[in-house]
Amino acid sequence: ANRTLGEMVECLRKAAGFLETFWGYARLYATFLRNRCPCSSNINPSHDTPYAMVHGVKPDLRDVRVFGSKCFAMVPKERRGGKLADKAVPALFVGISEKFRSYMVIPDGARVPIYSRSVVFDEDLEGSCDSGVRISNTDNRPVPDEGRLIAAMGDDGQNWGGAQPKRV
């Protein structure tokens, strides 16, 4: 299982053109995907998914997206600068947060992901993952731009789009 996830992580990360520092996001998304794939074992003769075995229902796969794809996350009205300010910021998709029931995206120029339910995706596989990252001149690997949106996000920029933890 560890080798399977490790190989999925490397495939996701390399297909997206991300540096090794993004392995954590790729690992979380690989785990999310693997738990929703059918598996066979002695304890699972019906070939259910691990998610279905735990929760008793088939997983909803409508939110599955291409890892590293370009997207645009909506900026809430209270965070916009004014009438003419951008209503969305370009970002890269890095996973799904089950805790906040939202997408996890990294805006251009930011170092940390934000959680947003209002995201528009551009999953064109031809060059979809290199928008929003700059190529370093020394080794041609993508390097995240720094600083531009960190100040705009504010201290609690981890939770854009109204996503709240599920109350039980």
Protein backbone atom coordinates (compact mmCIF):
# COMPACT_ATOMS: atom_id res chain seq x y z
CA ALA A 1 0.00 0.00 0.00
CA ASN A 2 2.82 2.41 0.83
CA ARG A 3 4.60 1.70 -2.44
CA THR A 4 1.36 2.13 -4.41
CA LEU A 5 0.73 5.51 -2.79
CA GLY A 6 4.36 6.55 -3.23
CA GLU A 7 4.24 5.82 -6.93
CA MET A 8 0.92 7.65 -7.29
CA VAL A 9 2.43 10.64 -5.51
CA GLU A 10 5.38 10.78 -7.88
CA CYS A 11 3.12 10.43 -10.93
CA LEU A 12 0.78 13.19 -9.74
CA ARG A 13 3.62 15.52 -8.80
CA LYS A 14 5.62 15.00 -11.99
CA ALA A 15 2.58 15.21 -14.27
CA ALA A 16 1.73 18.54 -12.65
CA GLY A 17 5.33 19.75 -13.00
CA PHE A 18 5.63 20.51 -9.28
CA LEU A 19 8.80 20.53 -7.19
CA GLU A 20 9.47 17.88 -4.57
CA THR A 21 8.20 20.30 -1.92
CA PHE A 22 4.64 19.65 -3.15
CA TRP A 23 4.82 15.95 -2.29
CA GLY A 24 2.56 16.40 0.76
CA TYR A 25 -0.32 17.76 -1.30
CA ALA A 26 0.16 14.98 -3.85
CA ARG A 27 0.17 12.38 -1.03
CA LEU A 28 -3.11 13.69 0.41
CA TYR A 29 -4.79 13.68 -3.00
CA ALA A 30 -3.39 10.23 -3.86
CA THR A 31 -4.83 8.89 -0.60
CA PHE A 32 -8.17 10.56 -1.37
CA LEU A 33 -8.22 8.91 -4.81
CA ARG A 34 -7.00 5.50 -3.61
CA ASN A 35 -9.75 5.30 -0.98
CA ARG A 36 -12.29 5.75 -3.75
CA CYS A 37 -10.89 3.06 -6.08
CA PRO A 38 -12.22 -0.52 -6.01
CA CYS A 39 -9.92 -3.03 -4.37
CA SER A 40 -9.94 -6.76 -3.91
CA SER A 41 -8.82 -8.71 -0.88
CA ASN A 42 -9.87 -11.64 1.26
CA ILE A 43 -11.90 -9.33 3.50
CA ASN A 44 -13.47 -7.53 0.51
CA PRO A 45 -14.76 -10.14 -1.95
CA SER A 46 -17.32 -7.71 -3.42
CA HIS A 47 -14.56 -5.36 -4.68
CA ASP A 48 -15.99 -2.33 -2.87
CA THR A 49 -13.99 0.83 -2.35
CA PRO A 50 -12.42 1.44 1.07
CA TYR A 51 -14.66 4.52 1.35
CA ALA A 52 -17.79 2.39 0.76
CA MET A 53 -16.64 -0.20 3.30
CA VAL A 54 -16.26 2.45 6.02
CA HIS A 55 -19.23 4.70 5.25
CA GLY A 56 -21.66 2.19 3.75
CA VAL A 57 -22.34 4.27 0.62
CA LYS A 58 -20.59 4.61 -2.73
CA PRO A 59 -18.27 7.62 -2.95
CA ASP A 60 -19.34 10.73 -4.86
CA LEU A 61 -16.71 11.34 -7.54
CA ARG A 62 -18.11 14.58 -8.98
CA ASP A 63 -15.45 16.66 -7.20
CA VAL A 64 -12.44 14.74 -8.53
CA ARG A 65 -10.25 17.06 -10.62
CA VAL A 66 -6.89 16.93 -12.39
CA PHE A 67 -4.11 17.48 -9.83
CA GLY A 68 -2.19 20.67 -10.59
CA SER A 69 -4.75 22.03 -13.03
CA LYS A 70 -5.33 25.75 -13.48
CA CYS A 71 -8.32 27.16 -11.68
CA PHE A 72 -9.83 30.40 -10.47
CA ALA A 73 -10.93 30.75 -6.86
CA MET A 74 -13.56 33.34 -6.05
CA VAL A 75 -12.52 36.14 -3.70
CA PRO A 76 -15.27 36.91 -1.14
CA LYS A 77 -16.78 40.42 -1.33
CA GLU A 78 -15.34 41.38 2.05
CA ARG A 79 -11.80 40.64 0.79
CA ARG A 80 -12.06 42.53 -2.50
CA GLY A 81 -10.49 45.96 -2.79
CA GLY A 82 -13.44 47.69 -4.45
CA LYS A 83 -15.84 47.58 -7.36
CA LEU A 84 -13.13 47.07 -9.94
CA ALA A 85 -11.12 44.53 -7.97
CA ASP A 86 -10.71 41.00 -9.27
CA LYS A 87 -13.54 38.67 -8.31
CA ALA A 88 -11.34 35.59 -8.67
CA VAL A 89 -7.65 34.79 -8.37
CA PRO A 90 -5.75 32.35 -10.56
CA ALA A 91 -4.60 29.28 -8.66
CA LEU A 92 -3.49 25.65 -8.92
CA PHE A 93 -5.61 22.77 -7.68
CA VAL A 94 -3.80 20.65 -5.06
CA GLY A 95 -6.55 18.64 -3.40
CA ILE A 96 -9.91 18.32 -1.74
CA SER A 97 -10.58 19.10 1.90
CA GLU A 98 -13.12 16.74 3.38
CA LYS A 99 -12.97 18.68 6.65
CA PHE A 100 -14.16 21.92 5.01
CA ARG A 101 -15.97 20.17 2.13
CA SER A 102 -14.14 22.39 -0.36
CA TYR A 103 -11.31 22.49 -2.90
CA MET A 104 -7.76 23.15 -1.77
CA VAL A 105 -5.98 25.54 -4.16
CA ILE A 106 -2.75 27.54 -4.05
CA PRO A 107 -3.21 31.06 -5.47
CA ASP A 108 -0.50 32.42 -7.74
CA GLY A 109 2.20 33.93 -5.58
CA ALA A 110 1.08 32.28 -2.34
CA ARG A 111 2.87 29.60 -0.36
CA VAL A 112 -0.08 28.12 1.50
CA PRO A 113 -3.32 26.71 0.14
CA ILE A 114 -6.73 28.25 0.61
CA TYR A 115 -10.03 26.39 0.84
CA SER A 116 -12.79 27.48 -1.50
CA ARG A 117 -16.06 26.00 -2.68
CA SER A 118 -16.37 28.50 -5.51
CA VAL A 119 -13.75 27.38 -8.02
CA VAL A 120 -13.79 27.29 -11.82
CA PHE A 121 -11.41 24.77 -13.37
CA ASP A 122 -9.46 24.74 -16.62
CA GLU A 123 -8.48 21.09 -16.92
CA ASP A 124 -7.05 21.26 -20.42
CA LEU A 125 -4.31 18.66 -20.16
CA GLU A 126 -2.04 20.42 -22.63
CA GLY A 127 0.00 22.78 -20.46
CA SER A 128 -2.65 23.04 -17.77
CA CYS A 129 -0.22 22.80 -14.90
CA ASP A 130 2.38 25.38 -15.80
CA SER A 131 0.20 28.47 -15.46
CA GLY A 132 0.84 30.36 -12.27
CA VAL A 133 4.31 28.99 -11.71
CA ARG A 134 7.54 30.44 -12.97
CA ILE A 135 10.27 28.29 -14.49
CA SER A 136 13.68 28.73 -12.89
CA ASN A 137 16.52 29.35 -15.33
CA THR A 138 18.88 26.83 -13.76
CA ASP A 139 17.02 23.53 -13.89
CA ASN A 140 13.71 24.22 -15.74
CA ARG A 141 11.59 23.06 -12.81
CA PRO A 142 8.53 25.04 -11.69
CA VAL A 143 9.05 27.36 -8.75
CA PRO A 144 6.08 29.08 -7.05
CA ASP A 145 6.02 32.87 -7.33
CA GLU A 146 6.37 34.53 -3.95
CA GLY A 147 4.68 37.27 -2.05
CA ARG A 148 2.02 38.73 -4.34
CA LEU A 149 -1.12 37.40 -2.66
CA ILE A 150 0.14 36.56 0.81
CA ALA A 151 -0.69 40.04 2.09
CA ALA A 152 -4.08 40.02 0.35
CA MET A 153 -5.06 36.77 2.02
CA GLY A 154 -4.78 38.14 5.54
CA ASP A 155 -4.21 36.12 8.69
CA ASP A 156 -7.16 33.80 8.19
CA GLY A 157 -6.74 33.33 4.43
CA GLN A 158 -7.04 29.58 4.89
CA ASN A 159 -10.81 29.62 4.52
CA TRP A 160 -12.05 31.49 1.46
CA GLY A 161 -15.40 30.86 -0.11
CA GLY A 162 -17.47 30.39 3.01
CA ALA A 163 -16.38 26.80 3.61
CA GLN A 164 -16.93 25.96 7.26
CA PRO A 165 -16.14 22.81 9.22
CA LYS A 166 -19.04 20.39 9.29
CA ARG A 167 -20.89 20.65 12.58
CA VAL A 168 -21.97 17.37 14.14
